[in-house]
Amino acid sequence: MTMEGFLGASYLWVKSAHVIFVIFWIAGLFMLPRFYIYQSQSPAGSAEDTAWFGRERRLRNIILTPAIILTWLFGLMLAADQGLWSQGWFHAKLTCVIALSGFHGWAVAYGRKMSSGHRPANDTTLRIMNEIPGIAVAVIVILVIVRPF
C-alpha cells in the first residue's frame, strides 16, 4: 500500500473506516428486503405492519443512510488519494457501487410504498431482490482484490 497521496499516514485509517461502513451498509441492505418479506405477510395497516414499518425506518435512519454516505465519502477520498480514476477494475467497481446505491434507493422507496399500504411486489420478487446485495458484494470484492483488468 502506498501512502504517498494526500491522505498520508491517515490513509489506513480512512481505508479502515471505508471497510467498516461498507460492512454496516451491506448488513442493512441484507436486512431491509428481508424485513419487507416479513412485513408483506402481515395485513396492511395492522399493528404488526406498523411495527415492521418502525423497524425499517430505524434501520434506514440509524444504519443505512449514515453508512451509504460515509461509504461514499471515504471511498471517494481513497480513490482520489490513490489516483484510481483511470484503472479498469475501479471503473467496474464504481459501476457496481452505483448500481448497489440504486438498489438502496429502490429499497427505501419500496418501504415507503409499503408503509402506505401498497404491496407492489410479490413474495418471490422480494426474495430475489434479497439476493442482490450478496451478489454485488461478491463482484465488488473480486474486483478490488483480484483487479482482473
Protein backbone atom coordinates (compact mmCIF):
# COMPACT_ATOMS: atom_id res chain seq x y z
CA MET A 1 0.00 0.00 0.00
CA THR A 2 1.31 3.35 -0.92
CA MET A 3 0.82 6.24 1.47
CA GLU A 4 2.12 8.88 -0.88
CA GLY A 5 -1.25 10.50 -1.59
CA PHE A 6 -2.72 13.50 0.18
CA LEU A 7 -4.04 11.25 2.99
CA GLY A 8 -0.50 10.37 4.02
CA ALA A 9 -0.35 8.45 7.28
CA SER A 10 -4.15 8.66 7.67
CA TYR A 11 -4.65 6.51 4.55
CA LEU A 12 -5.03 3.28 6.52
CA TRP A 13 -7.48 4.94 8.93
CA VAL A 14 -9.61 6.16 6.04
CA LYS A 15 -9.43 2.74 4.40
CA SER A 16 -10.45 1.09 7.67
CA ALA A 17 -13.39 3.48 8.05
CA HIS A 18 -14.43 2.77 4.45
CA VAL A 19 -14.47 -1.00 5.06
CA ILE A 20 -16.33 -0.61 8.37
CA PHE A 21 -19.08 1.50 6.82
CA VAL A 22 -19.31 -0.82 3.79
CA ILE A 23 -19.99 -3.67 6.23
CA PHE A 24 -22.69 -1.62 8.01
CA TRP A 25 -24.27 -0.64 4.68
CA ILE A 26 -24.32 -4.16 3.29
CA ALA A 27 -25.64 -5.58 6.57
CA GLY A 28 -28.51 -3.10 6.35
CA LEU A 29 -29.13 -4.00 2.71
CA PHE A 30 -29.27 -7.68 3.70
CA MET A 31 -31.80 -6.90 6.43
CA LEU A 32 -34.14 -4.42 4.74
CA PRO A 33 -35.52 -6.67 1.95
CA ARG A 34 -35.85 -9.49 4.50
CA PHE A 35 -37.93 -7.14 6.67
CA TYR A 36 -40.12 -6.44 3.63
CA ILE A 37 -40.69 -10.16 3.13
CA TYR A 38 -41.86 -10.47 6.74
CA GLN A 39 -43.94 -7.29 6.57
CA SER A 40 -45.64 -8.36 3.34
CA GLN A 41 -47.09 -11.34 5.25
CA SER A 42 -48.94 -9.03 7.66
CA PRO A 43 -52.18 -7.27 6.74
CA ALA A 44 -51.69 -3.66 5.65
CA GLY A 45 -52.49 -1.28 8.49
CA SER A 46 -52.31 -3.94 11.19
CA ALA A 47 -50.33 -3.49 14.40
CA GLU A 48 -47.73 -5.94 13.06
CA ASP A 49 -47.46 -3.97 9.80
CA THR A 50 -46.92 -0.76 11.77
CA ALA A 51 -44.27 -2.43 13.93
CA TRP A 52 -42.38 -3.60 10.82
CA PHE A 53 -42.52 -0.11 9.37
CA GLY A 54 -40.98 1.27 12.56
CA ARG A 55 -38.18 -1.32 12.43
CA GLU A 56 -37.49 -0.49 8.80
CA ARG A 57 -37.45 3.26 9.49
CA ARG A 58 -34.95 2.81 12.32
CA LEU A 59 -32.77 0.56 10.13
CA ARG A 60 -32.79 3.20 7.38
CA ASN A 61 -32.19 6.16 9.68
CA ILE A 62 -29.66 4.66 12.09
CA ILE A 63 -27.69 2.29 9.85
CA LEU A 64 -28.37 2.54 6.12
CA THR A 65 -28.39 6.28 5.47
CA PRO A 66 -25.28 7.13 7.52
CA ALA A 67 -23.46 4.05 6.20
CA ILE A 68 -24.07 4.80 2.50
CA ILE A 69 -23.00 8.42 2.96
CA LEU A 70 -19.81 7.51 4.82
CA THR A 71 -19.03 4.62 2.45
CA TRP A 72 -19.16 7.01 -0.50
CA LEU A 73 -17.23 9.75 1.33
CA PHE A 74 -14.36 7.51 2.42
CA GLY A 75 -14.37 5.59 -0.88
CA LEU A 76 -14.07 8.74 -2.96
CA MET A 77 -11.30 10.01 -0.68
CA LEU A 78 -9.38 6.76 -1.21
CA ALA A 79 -9.93 6.83 -4.97
CA ALA A 80 -8.71 10.41 -5.19
CA ASP A 81 -5.75 9.72 -2.90
CA GLN A 82 -4.61 6.70 -4.92
CA GLY A 83 -5.46 8.08 -8.38
CA LEU A 84 -7.71 5.16 -9.26
CA TRP A 85 -9.85 7.00 -11.83
CA SER A 86 -8.01 5.56 -14.84
CA GLN A 87 -7.98 1.89 -13.76
CA GLY A 88 -10.41 -0.52 -15.40
CA TRP A 89 -11.14 -2.56 -12.28
CA PHE A 90 -12.04 0.64 -10.46
CA HIS A 91 -14.47 1.69 -13.20
CA ALA A 92 -16.16 -1.71 -12.90
CA LYS A 93 -16.25 -1.44 -9.09
CA LEU A 94 -17.64 2.09 -9.25
CA THR A 95 -20.34 0.91 -11.67
CA CYS A 96 -21.30 -1.87 -9.24
CA VAL A 97 -21.37 0.56 -6.31
CA ILE A 98 -23.57 2.97 -8.28
CA ALA A 99 -25.91 0.08 -9.11
CA LEU A 100 -25.95 -1.01 -5.45
CA SER A 101 -26.75 2.59 -4.47
CA GLY A 102 -29.64 2.44 -6.93
CA PHE A 103 -30.82 -0.76 -5.26
CA HIS A 104 -30.60 1.05 -1.93
CA GLY A 105 -32.80 3.81 -3.35
CA TRP A 106 -35.29 1.24 -4.68
CA ALA A 107 -35.41 -0.46 -1.27
CA VAL A 108 -36.08 2.80 0.56
CA ALA A 109 -38.79 3.80 -1.94
CA TYR A 110 -40.35 0.34 -1.71
CA GLY A 111 -40.56 0.69 2.07
CA ARG A 112 -42.38 3.98 1.70
CA LYS A 113 -44.90 2.31 -0.62
CA MET A 114 -45.41 -0.49 1.88
CA SER A 115 -45.93 2.00 4.71
CA SER A 116 -48.85 3.46 2.78
CA GLY A 117 -50.43 0.01 2.44
CA HIS A 118 -49.31 -0.68 -1.12
CA ARG A 119 -47.64 -4.06 -1.77
CA PRO A 120 -46.31 -3.79 -5.35
CA ALA A 121 -44.00 -6.85 -5.32
CA ASN A 122 -44.89 -10.42 -4.55
CA ASP A 123 -43.05 -12.67 -2.12
CA THR A 124 -40.95 -14.31 -4.84
CA THR A 125 -39.79 -10.96 -6.24
CA LEU A 126 -38.82 -9.79 -2.75
CA ARG A 127 -36.86 -13.00 -2.15
CA ILE A 128 -34.97 -12.49 -5.43
CA MET A 129 -34.30 -8.84 -4.54
CA ASN A 130 -32.91 -10.05 -1.21
CA GLU A 131 -30.05 -11.74 -3.10
CA ILE A 132 -28.82 -8.62 -4.92
CA PRO A 133 -26.58 -7.24 -2.14
CA GLY A 134 -24.77 -10.57 -1.76
CA ILE A 135 -24.09 -10.87 -5.47
CA ALA A 136 -22.93 -7.25 -5.64
CA VAL A 137 -20.57 -7.74 -2.70
CA ALA A 138 -19.03 -10.83 -4.29
CA VAL A 139 -18.39 -8.97 -7.56
CA ILE A 140 -17.00 -5.89 -5.81
CA VAL A 141 -14.67 -7.88 -3.57
CA ILE A 142 -13.30 -9.80 -6.56
CA LEU A 143 -12.75 -6.55 -8.47
CA VAL A 144 -10.92 -4.93 -5.52
CA ILE A 145 -8.79 -7.92 -4.51
CA VAL A 146 -8.07 -9.62 -7.85
CA ARG A 147 -8.12 -6.45 -10.01
CA PRO A 148 -8.70 -8.54 -13.16
CA PHE A 149 -8.24 -5.58 -15.53
